[in-house]
Amino acid sequence: MPPGETPPGEGGLSGAGPLETHNPTRGWAKGPLVLIALVVLLFAVGFLAYAVYV
């Protein structure tokens, strides 16, 4: 290739990573959110009870 000439373009990045077949479109499911909310609620009630009775 002579100096100053543009090199040929690359083939792209289509094969750069693994094929993603599972791509969820929704957020968290209700089950984990309810479980986390219950744990947080139990901690809050426990701290409130400790503060009231001590």
PDB file of N, CA and C in Angstrom:
ATOM      1  N   MET A   1       0.854  -1.162   0.000  1.00  0.00           N
ATOM      2  CA  MET A   1       0.000   0.000   0.000  1.00  0.00           C
ATOM      3  C   MET A   1       0.906   1.233   0.000  1.00  0.00           C
ATOM      4  N   PRO A   2       0.669   2.138  -0.910  1.00  0.00           N
ATOM      5  CA  PRO A   2       1.505   3.339  -0.971  1.00  0.00           C
ATOM      6  C   PRO A   2       1.251   4.263   0.233  1.00  0.00           C
ATOM      7  N   PRO A   3       2.262   5.065   0.623  1.00  0.00           N
ATOM      8  CA  PRO A   3       2.067   5.985   1.743  1.00  0.00           C
ATOM      9  C   PRO A   3       0.955   6.989   1.451  1.00  0.00           C
ATOM     10  N   GLY A   4       0.154   7.296   2.485  1.00  0.00           N
ATOM     11  CA  GLY A   4      -0.921   8.258   2.362  1.00  0.00           C
ATOM     12  C   GLY A   4      -2.244   7.669   1.897  1.00  0.00           C
ATOM     13  N   GLU A   5      -2.250   6.410   1.537  1.00  0.00           N
ATOM     14  CA  GLU A   5      -3.494   5.780   1.090  1.00  0.00           C
ATOM     15  C   GLU A   5      -4.229   5.199   2.305  1.00  0.00           C
ATOM     16  N   THR A   6      -5.545   5.279   2.266  1.00  0.00           N
ATOM     17  CA  THR A   6      -6.352   4.788   3.382  1.00  0.00           C
ATOM     18  C   THR A   6      -6.381   3.259   3.369  1.00  0.00           C
ATOM     19  N   PRO A   7      -6.140   2.650   4.514  1.00  0.00           N
ATOM     20  CA  PRO A   7      -6.206   1.185   4.569  1.00  0.00           C
ATOM     21  C   PRO A   7      -7.656   0.703   4.426  1.00  0.00           C
ATOM     22  N   PRO A   8      -7.841  -0.529   4.046  1.00  0.00           N
ATOM     23  CA  PRO A   8      -9.207  -1.058   3.903  1.00  0.00           C
ATOM     24  C   PRO A   8      -9.927  -1.076   5.246  1.00  0.00           C
ATOM     25  N   GLY A   9     -11.236  -0.947   5.184  1.00  0.00           N
ATOM     26  CA  GLY A   9     -12.044  -0.937   6.398  1.00  0.00           C
ATOM     27  C   GLY A   9     -12.070  -2.288   7.085  1.00  0.00           C
ATOM     28  N   GLU A  10     -12.334  -2.253   8.344  1.00  0.00           N
ATOM     29  CA  GLU A  10     -12.439  -3.492   9.120  1.00  0.00           C
ATOM     30  C   GLU A  10     -13.770  -4.172   8.824  1.00  0.00           C
ATOM     31  N   GLY A  11     -13.874  -5.398   9.262  1.00  0.00           N
ATOM     32  CA  GLY A  11     -15.093  -6.166   9.049  1.00  0.00           C
ATOM     33  C   GLY A  11     -16.194  -5.823  10.043  1.00  0.00           C
ATOM     34  N   GLY A  12     -15.923  -4.984  10.997  1.00  0.00           N
ATOM     35  CA  GLY A  12     -16.924  -4.637  12.007  1.00  0.00           C
ATOM     36  C   GLY A  12     -16.685  -5.408  13.289  1.00  0.00           C
ATOM     37  N   LEU A  13     -17.574  -5.232  14.225  1.00  0.00           N
ATOM     38  CA  LEU A  13     -17.451  -5.892  15.526  1.00  0.00           C
ATOM     39  C   LEU A  13     -18.553  -6.911  15.744  1.00  0.00           C
ATOM     40  N   SER A  14     -19.144  -7.404  14.689  1.00  0.00           N
ATOM     41  CA  SER A  14     -20.273  -8.314  14.849  1.00  0.00           C
ATOM     42  C   SER A  14     -19.893  -9.603  15.563  1.00  0.00           C
ATOM     43  N   GLY A  15     -18.681 -10.040  15.469  1.00  0.00           N
ATOM     44  CA  GLY A  15     -18.269 -11.270  16.118  1.00  0.00           C
ATOM     45  C   GLY A  15     -17.394 -11.045  17.331  1.00  0.00           C
ATOM     46  N   ALA A  16     -17.485  -9.866  17.961  1.00  0.00           N
ATOM     47  CA  ALA A  16     -16.582  -9.527  19.042  1.00  0.00           C
ATOM     48  C   ALA A  16     -16.921 -10.187  20.366  1.00  0.00           C
ATOM     49  N   GLY A  17     -18.166 -10.563  20.570  1.00  0.00           N
ATOM     50  CA  GLY A  17     -18.545 -11.123  21.864  1.00  0.00           C
ATOM     51  C   GLY A  17     -19.468 -12.308  21.706  1.00  0.00           C
ATOM     52  N   PRO A  18     -19.895 -12.869  22.837  1.00  0.00           N
ATOM     53  CA  PRO A  18     -20.786 -14.028  22.768  1.00  0.00           C
ATOM     54  C   PRO A  18     -22.185 -13.617  22.298  1.00  0.00           C
ATOM     55  N   LEU A  19     -22.883 -14.554  21.712  1.00  0.00           N
ATOM     56  CA  LEU A  19     -24.238 -14.316  21.247  1.00  0.00           C
ATOM     57  C   LEU A  19     -25.172 -14.245  22.448  1.00  0.00           C
ATOM     58  N   GLU A  20     -25.889 -13.145  22.593  1.00  0.00           N
ATOM     59  CA  GLU A  20     -26.819 -12.991  23.703  1.00  0.00           C
ATOM     60  C   GLU A  20     -28.185 -13.498  23.278  1.00  0.00           C
ATOM     61  N   THR A  21     -28.596 -14.610  23.865  1.00  0.00           N
ATOM     62  CA  THR A  21     -29.893 -15.177  23.526  1.00  0.00           C
ATOM     63  C   THR A  21     -30.934 -14.838  24.583  1.00  0.00           C
ATOM     64  N   HIS A  22     -30.513 -14.562  25.832  1.00  0.00           N
ATOM     65  CA  HIS A  22     -31.453 -14.230  26.907  1.00  0.00           C
ATOM     66  C   HIS A  22     -31.276 -12.768  27.266  1.00  0.00           C
ATOM     67  N   ASN A  23     -32.241 -11.953  26.901  1.00  0.00           N
ATOM     68  CA  ASN A  23     -32.178 -10.533  27.197  1.00  0.00           C
ATOM     69  C   ASN A  23     -33.519 -10.098  27.778  1.00  0.00           C
ATOM     70  N   PRO A  24     -33.660 -10.188  29.124  1.00  0.00           N
ATOM     71  CA  PRO A  24     -34.962  -9.870  29.719  1.00  0.00           C
ATOM     72  C   PRO A  24     -35.324  -8.401  29.513  1.00  0.00           C
ATOM     73  N   THR A  25     -36.587  -8.152  29.257  1.00  0.00           N
ATOM     74  CA  THR A  25     -37.041  -6.793  29.012  1.00  0.00           C
ATOM     75  C   THR A  25     -37.681  -6.170  30.240  1.00  0.00           C
ATOM     76  N   ARG A  26     -38.074  -6.980  31.203  1.00  0.00           N
ATOM     77  CA  ARG A  26     -38.730  -6.445  32.394  1.00  0.00           C
ATOM     78  C   ARG A  26     -37.725  -6.294  33.529  1.00  0.00           C
ATOM     79  N   GLY A  27     -38.148  -5.600  34.577  1.00  0.00           N
ATOM     80  CA  GLY A  27     -37.307  -5.407  35.749  1.00  0.00           C
ATOM     81  C   GLY A  27     -37.383  -6.606  36.669  1.00  0.00           C
ATOM     82  N   TRP A  28     -37.298  -6.345  37.946  1.00  0.00           N
ATOM     83  CA  TRP A  28     -37.298  -7.417  38.943  1.00  0.00           C
ATOM     84  C   TRP A  28     -38.667  -8.076  39.010  1.00  0.00           C
ATOM     85  N   ALA A  29     -38.668  -9.337  39.360  1.00  0.00           N
ATOM     86  CA  ALA A  29     -39.921 -10.055  39.565  1.00  0.00           C
ATOM     87  C   ALA A  29     -40.510  -9.649  40.916  1.00  0.00           C
ATOM     88  N   LYS A  30     -41.774  -9.957  41.119  1.00  0.00           N
ATOM     89  CA  LYS A  30     -42.448  -9.564  42.363  1.00  0.00           C
ATOM     90  C   LYS A  30     -41.911 -10.327  43.566  1.00  0.00           C
ATOM     91  N   GLY A  31     -41.551 -11.591  43.384  1.00  0.00           N
ATOM     92  CA  GLY A  31     -41.091 -12.427  44.504  1.00  0.00           C
ATOM     93  C   GLY A  31     -39.887 -11.854  45.236  1.00  0.00           C
ATOM     94  N   PRO A  32     -38.782 -11.572  44.538  1.00  0.00           N
ATOM     95  CA  PRO A  32     -37.616 -11.024  45.229  1.00  0.00           C
ATOM     96  C   PRO A  32     -37.890  -9.657  45.874  1.00  0.00           C
ATOM     97  N   LEU A  33     -38.706  -8.826  45.213  1.00  0.00           N
ATOM     98  CA  LEU A  33     -39.016  -7.516  45.789  1.00  0.00           C
ATOM     99  C   LEU A  33     -39.821  -7.653  47.077  1.00  0.00           C
ATOM    100  N   VAL A  34     -40.772  -8.574  47.103  1.00  0.00           N
ATOM    101  CA  VAL A  34     -41.564  -8.797  48.316  1.00  0.00           C
ATOM    102  C   VAL A  34     -40.672  -9.340  49.431  1.00  0.00           C
ATOM    103  N   LEU A  35     -39.783 -10.241  49.096  1.00  0.00           N
ATOM    104  CA  LEU A  35     -38.876 -10.806  50.094  1.00  0.00           C
ATOM    105  C   LEU A  35     -37.959  -9.736  50.683  1.00  0.00           C
ATOM    106  N   ILE A  36     -37.412  -8.890  49.855  1.00  0.00           N
ATOM    107  CA  ILE A  36     -36.541  -7.815  50.335  1.00  0.00           C
ATOM    108  C   ILE A  36     -37.338  -6.839  51.195  1.00  0.00           C
ATOM    109  N   ALA A  37     -38.557  -6.509  50.770  1.00  0.00           N
ATOM    110  CA  ALA A  37     -39.396  -5.591  51.550  1.00  0.00           C
ATOM    111  C   ALA A  37     -39.726  -6.182  52.914  1.00  0.00           C
ATOM    112  N   LEU A  38     -39.997  -7.478  52.991  1.00  0.00           N
ATOM    113  CA  LEU A  38     -40.290  -8.110  54.273  1.00  0.00           C
ATOM    114  C   LEU A  38     -39.084  -8.093  55.206  1.00  0.00           C
ATOM    115  N   VAL A  39     -37.913  -8.361  54.665  1.00  0.00           N
ATOM    116  CA  VAL A  39     -36.696  -8.341  55.496  1.00  0.00           C
ATOM    117  C   VAL A  39     -36.443  -6.933  56.022  1.00  0.00           C
ATOM    118  N   VAL A  40     -36.590  -5.928  55.178  1.00  0.00           N
ATOM    119  CA  VAL A  40     -36.394  -4.545  55.608  1.00  0.00           C
ATOM    120  C   VAL A  40     -37.432  -4.172  56.661  1.00  0.00           C
ATOM    121  N   LEU A  41     -38.676  -4.577  56.464  1.00  0.00           N
ATOM    122  CA  LEU A  41     -39.732  -4.293  57.428  1.00  0.00           C
ATOM    123  C   LEU A  41     -39.450  -4.957  58.775  1.00  0.00           C
ATOM    124  N   LEU A  42     -38.980  -6.200  58.757  1.00  0.00           N
ATOM    125  CA  LEU A  42     -38.646  -6.878  60.011  1.00  0.00           C
ATOM    126  C   LEU A  42     -37.523  -6.168  60.756  1.00  0.00           C
ATOM    127  N   PHE A  43     -36.505  -5.724  60.034  1.00  0.00           N
ATOM    128  CA  PHE A  43     -35.429  -4.974  60.673  1.00  0.00           C
ATOM    129  C   PHE A  43     -35.945  -3.662  61.259  1.00  0.00           C
ATOM    130  N   ALA A  44     -36.793  -2.970  60.526  1.00  0.00           N
ATOM    131  CA  ALA A  44     -37.332  -1.693  61.010  1.00  0.00           C
ATOM    132  C   ALA A  44     -38.170  -1.903  62.257  1.00  0.00           C
ATOM    133  N   VAL A  45     -39.012  -2.930  62.270  1.00  0.00           N
ATOM    134  CA  VAL A  45     -39.830  -3.216  63.452  1.00  0.00           C
ATOM    135  C   VAL A  45     -38.934  -3.614  64.622  1.00  0.00           C
ATOM    136  N   GLY A  46     -37.900  -4.384  64.346  1.00  0.00           N
ATOM    137  CA  GLY A  46     -36.979  -4.782  65.421  1.00  0.00           C
ATOM    138  C   GLY A  46     -36.257  -3.591  66.017  1.00  0.00           C
ATOM    139  N   PHE A  47     -35.759  -2.680  65.198  1.00  0.00           N
ATOM    140  CA  PHE A  47     -35.086  -1.501  65.717  1.00  0.00           C
ATOM    141  C   PHE A  47     -36.054  -0.593  66.479  1.00  0.00           C
ATOM    142  N   LEU A  48     -37.268  -0.471  65.979  1.00  0.00           N
ATOM    143  CA  LEU A  48     -38.274   0.360  66.655  1.00  0.00           C
ATOM    144  C   LEU A  48     -38.620  -0.243  68.010  1.00  0.00           C
ATOM    145  N   ALA A  49     -38.811  -1.551  68.073  1.00  0.00           N
ATOM    146  CA  ALA A  49     -39.112  -2.209  69.339  1.00  0.00           C
ATOM    147  C   ALA A  49     -37.955  -2.061  70.308  1.00  0.00           C
ATOM    148  N   TYR A  50     -36.747  -2.187  69.830  1.00  0.00           N
ATOM    149  CA  TYR A  50     -35.566  -2.019  70.695  1.00  0.00           C
ATOM    150  C   TYR A  50     -35.506  -0.588  71.236  1.00  0.00           C
ATOM    151  N   ALA A  51     -35.796   0.395  70.389  1.00  0.00           N
ATOM    152  CA  ALA A  51     -35.747   1.788  70.824  1.00  0.00           C
ATOM    153  C   ALA A  51     -36.840   2.096  71.833  1.00  0.00           C
ATOM    154  N   VAL A  52     -37.989   1.492  71.709  1.00  0.00           N
ATOM    155  CA  VAL A  52     -39.103   1.775  72.610  1.00  0.00           C
ATOM    156  C   VAL A  52     -38.894   1.111  73.965  1.00  0.00           C
ATOM    157  N   TYR A  53     -38.414  -0.116  73.960  1.00  0.00           N
ATOM    158  CA  TYR A  53     -38.320  -0.876  75.196  1.00  0.00           C
ATOM    159  C   TYR A  53     -37.008  -0.709  75.938  1.00  0.00           C
ATOM    160  N   VAL A  54     -36.040  -0.058  75.374  1.00  0.00           N
ATOM    161  CA  VAL A  54     -34.758   0.126  76.073  1.00  0.00           C
ATOM    162  C   VAL A  54     -34.590   1.538  76.517  1.00  0.00           C
TER     163      VAL A  54
END
